[in-house]
Amino acid sequence: MKTADVDLSRCSMCGICVDLCPMTFKINDAGYIEVIHPHGESEEDINEAIRNCRSECISWKESQ
């Protein structure tokens, strides 16, 4: 099964992913993007966040 993943070393913290998928991503107390529920939205919605990410830091990761 694949899950959403954010590469924080590339993330600009623009928040587009949070706007598009608020049940999957959030900005934590430290100001970083966090995956709070890898399947919070549909795969189609998460793919939309991946396509719209300015930093291209969101991807799918195979979970174990």
N, C-alpha and C. Protein backbone atom coordinates (compact mmCIF):
# COMPACT_ATOMS: atom_id res chain seq x y z
N MET A 1 0.84 -1.17 0.00
CA MET A 1 0.00 0.00 0.00
C MET A 1 0.89 1.24 0.00
N LYS A 2 0.48 2.26 -0.72
CA LYS A 2 1.27 3.48 -0.76
C LYS A 2 0.63 4.54 0.13
N THR A 3 1.49 5.41 0.67
CA THR A 3 1.03 6.50 1.53
C THR A 3 1.68 7.80 1.08
N ALA A 4 1.04 8.90 1.40
CA ALA A 4 1.59 10.22 1.07
C ALA A 4 2.81 10.49 1.94
N ASP A 5 3.81 11.15 1.35
CA ASP A 5 5.04 11.46 2.07
C ASP A 5 5.49 12.87 1.68
N VAL A 6 6.04 13.62 2.64
CA VAL A 6 6.54 14.96 2.38
C VAL A 6 8.04 14.99 2.67
N ASP A 7 8.83 15.43 1.70
CA ASP A 7 10.27 15.62 1.88
C ASP A 7 10.47 17.02 2.44
N LEU A 8 10.65 17.12 3.76
CA LEU A 8 10.75 18.42 4.40
C LEU A 8 11.98 19.21 3.98
N SER A 9 13.01 18.53 3.48
CA SER A 9 14.20 19.26 3.03
C SER A 9 13.93 20.07 1.77
N ARG A 10 12.87 19.75 1.05
CA ARG A 10 12.50 20.47 -0.17
C ARG A 10 11.27 21.35 0.01
N CYS A 11 10.52 21.15 1.09
CA CYS A 11 9.24 21.82 1.30
C CYS A 11 9.43 23.31 1.59
N SER A 12 8.63 24.15 0.92
CA SER A 12 8.67 25.60 1.15
C SER A 12 7.60 26.05 2.14
N MET A 13 6.84 25.12 2.68
CA MET A 13 5.76 25.39 3.64
C MET A 13 4.69 26.32 3.08
N CYS A 14 4.42 26.21 1.78
CA CYS A 14 3.43 27.10 1.14
C CYS A 14 2.01 26.78 1.60
N GLY A 15 1.75 25.54 1.99
CA GLY A 15 0.44 25.16 2.51
C GLY A 15 -0.59 24.75 1.48
N ILE A 16 -0.21 24.66 0.22
CA ILE A 16 -1.17 24.24 -0.81
C ILE A 16 -1.72 22.85 -0.50
N CYS A 17 -0.87 21.96 -0.03
CA CYS A 17 -1.32 20.60 0.29
C CYS A 17 -2.36 20.62 1.41
N VAL A 18 -2.17 21.51 2.38
CA VAL A 18 -3.12 21.62 3.49
C VAL A 18 -4.45 22.17 2.97
N ASP A 19 -4.38 23.15 2.08
CA ASP A 19 -5.61 23.71 1.50
C ASP A 19 -6.38 22.66 0.70
N LEU A 20 -5.66 21.84 -0.07
CA LEU A 20 -6.30 20.85 -0.93
C LEU A 20 -6.72 19.59 -0.19
N CYS A 21 -5.95 19.20 0.82
CA CYS A 21 -6.20 17.94 1.54
C CYS A 21 -6.04 18.14 3.05
N PRO A 22 -6.94 18.87 3.68
CA PRO A 22 -6.79 19.17 5.11
C PRO A 22 -6.94 17.98 6.04
N MET A 23 -7.48 16.88 5.56
CA MET A 23 -7.57 15.69 6.41
C MET A 23 -6.33 14.81 6.28
N THR A 24 -5.44 15.15 5.34
CA THR A 24 -4.21 14.39 5.14
C THR A 24 -2.99 15.15 5.64
N PHE A 25 -2.95 16.46 5.36
CA PHE A 25 -1.79 17.27 5.72
C PHE A 25 -2.19 18.38 6.70
N LYS A 26 -1.23 18.78 7.54
CA LYS A 26 -1.45 19.94 8.41
C LYS A 26 -0.11 20.64 8.63
N ILE A 27 -0.19 21.88 9.07
CA ILE A 27 1.01 22.60 9.49
C ILE A 27 1.09 22.41 10.99
N ASN A 28 2.18 21.78 11.46
CA ASN A 28 2.29 21.49 12.88
C ASN A 28 2.73 22.73 13.67
N ASP A 29 2.86 22.60 14.98
CA ASP A 29 3.19 23.73 15.85
C ASP A 29 4.55 24.34 15.53
N ALA A 30 5.45 23.57 14.95
CA ALA A 30 6.78 24.07 14.58
C ALA A 30 6.77 24.75 13.21
N GLY A 31 5.62 24.72 12.52
CA GLY A 31 5.50 25.37 11.23
C GLY A 31 5.82 24.50 10.04
N TYR A 32 5.98 23.19 10.27
CA TYR A 32 6.30 22.26 9.19
C TYR A 32 5.05 21.50 8.75
N ILE A 33 5.05 21.09 7.49
CA ILE A 33 3.97 20.27 6.97
C ILE A 33 4.11 18.86 7.53
N GLU A 34 3.01 18.28 7.91
CA GLU A 34 3.00 16.94 8.50
C GLU A 34 1.88 16.13 7.88
N VAL A 35 2.14 14.87 7.61
CA VAL A 35 1.10 13.96 7.15
C VAL A 35 0.40 13.44 8.41
N ILE A 36 -0.87 13.83 8.58
CA ILE A 36 -1.58 13.42 9.79
C ILE A 36 -2.42 12.18 9.58
N HIS A 37 -2.85 11.95 8.36
CA HIS A 37 -3.62 10.75 8.04
C HIS A 37 -3.34 10.43 6.58
N PRO A 38 -2.47 9.45 6.32
CA PRO A 38 -2.02 9.18 4.96
C PRO A 38 -3.14 8.91 3.95
N HIS A 39 -4.30 8.51 4.43
CA HIS A 39 -5.42 8.22 3.53
C HIS A 39 -6.63 9.08 3.90
N GLY A 40 -6.37 10.30 4.36
CA GLY A 40 -7.45 11.20 4.78
C GLY A 40 -8.36 11.61 3.64
N GLU A 41 -7.79 11.73 2.45
CA GLU A 41 -8.56 12.05 1.26
C GLU A 41 -8.36 10.93 0.25
N SER A 42 -9.09 11.03 -0.84
CA SER A 42 -8.96 10.02 -1.89
C SER A 42 -7.59 10.13 -2.56
N GLU A 43 -7.19 9.06 -3.21
CA GLU A 43 -5.94 9.05 -3.96
C GLU A 43 -5.95 10.16 -5.01
N GLU A 44 -7.09 10.38 -5.63
CA GLU A 44 -7.22 11.44 -6.64
C GLU A 44 -6.95 12.82 -6.03
N ASP A 45 -7.49 13.08 -4.85
CA ASP A 45 -7.27 14.38 -4.19
C ASP A 45 -5.81 14.55 -3.78
N ILE A 46 -5.19 13.49 -3.27
CA ILE A 46 -3.78 13.58 -2.90
C ILE A 46 -2.92 13.77 -4.14
N ASN A 47 -3.27 13.12 -5.24
CA ASN A 47 -2.55 13.34 -6.50
C ASN A 47 -2.67 14.80 -6.94
N GLU A 48 -3.80 15.42 -6.70
CA GLU A 48 -3.98 16.84 -7.01
C GLU A 48 -3.01 17.69 -6.18
N ALA A 49 -2.85 17.36 -4.91
CA ALA A 49 -1.89 18.08 -4.06
C ALA A 49 -0.47 17.86 -4.57
N ILE A 50 -0.15 16.65 -4.99
CA ILE A 50 1.18 16.35 -5.54
C ILE A 50 1.42 17.19 -6.79
N ARG A 51 0.45 17.26 -7.67
CA ARG A 51 0.60 18.04 -8.92
C ARG A 51 0.75 19.53 -8.66
N ASN A 52 0.10 20.04 -7.62
CA ASN A 52 0.11 21.47 -7.34
C ASN A 52 1.20 21.91 -6.39
N CYS A 53 1.97 20.99 -5.86
CA CYS A 53 3.04 21.33 -4.92
C CYS A 53 4.15 22.09 -5.66
N ARG A 54 4.38 23.33 -5.26
CA ARG A 54 5.38 24.18 -5.92
C ARG A 54 6.80 23.64 -5.75
N SER A 55 7.06 23.00 -4.63
CA SER A 55 8.40 22.49 -4.34
C SER A 55 8.61 21.06 -4.81
N GLU A 56 7.55 20.44 -5.32
CA GLU A 56 7.61 19.04 -5.75
C GLU A 56 8.17 18.14 -4.65
N CYS A 57 7.68 18.35 -3.43
CA CYS A 57 8.20 17.59 -2.29
C CYS A 57 7.24 16.52 -1.78
N ILE A 58 6.06 16.41 -2.37
CA ILE A 58 5.10 15.39 -1.96
C ILE A 58 5.16 14.24 -2.95
N SER A 59 5.18 13.04 -2.42
CA SER A 59 5.23 11.87 -3.29
C SER A 59 4.50 10.72 -2.60
N TRP A 60 4.38 9.65 -3.32
CA TRP A 60 3.84 8.41 -2.76
C TRP A 60 5.02 7.57 -2.28
N LYS A 61 4.84 6.94 -1.14
CA LYS A 61 5.86 6.07 -0.57
C LYS A 61 5.21 4.73 -0.29
N GLU A 62 5.89 3.67 -0.66
CA GLU A 62 5.36 2.33 -0.38
C GLU A 62 5.50 2.06 1.11
N SER A 63 4.38 1.76 1.76
CA SER A 63 4.42 1.45 3.19
C SER A 63 4.68 -0.04 3.36
N GLN A 64 5.20 -0.37 4.51
CA GLN A 64 5.59 -1.76 4.78
C GLN A 64 4.54 -2.49 5.54
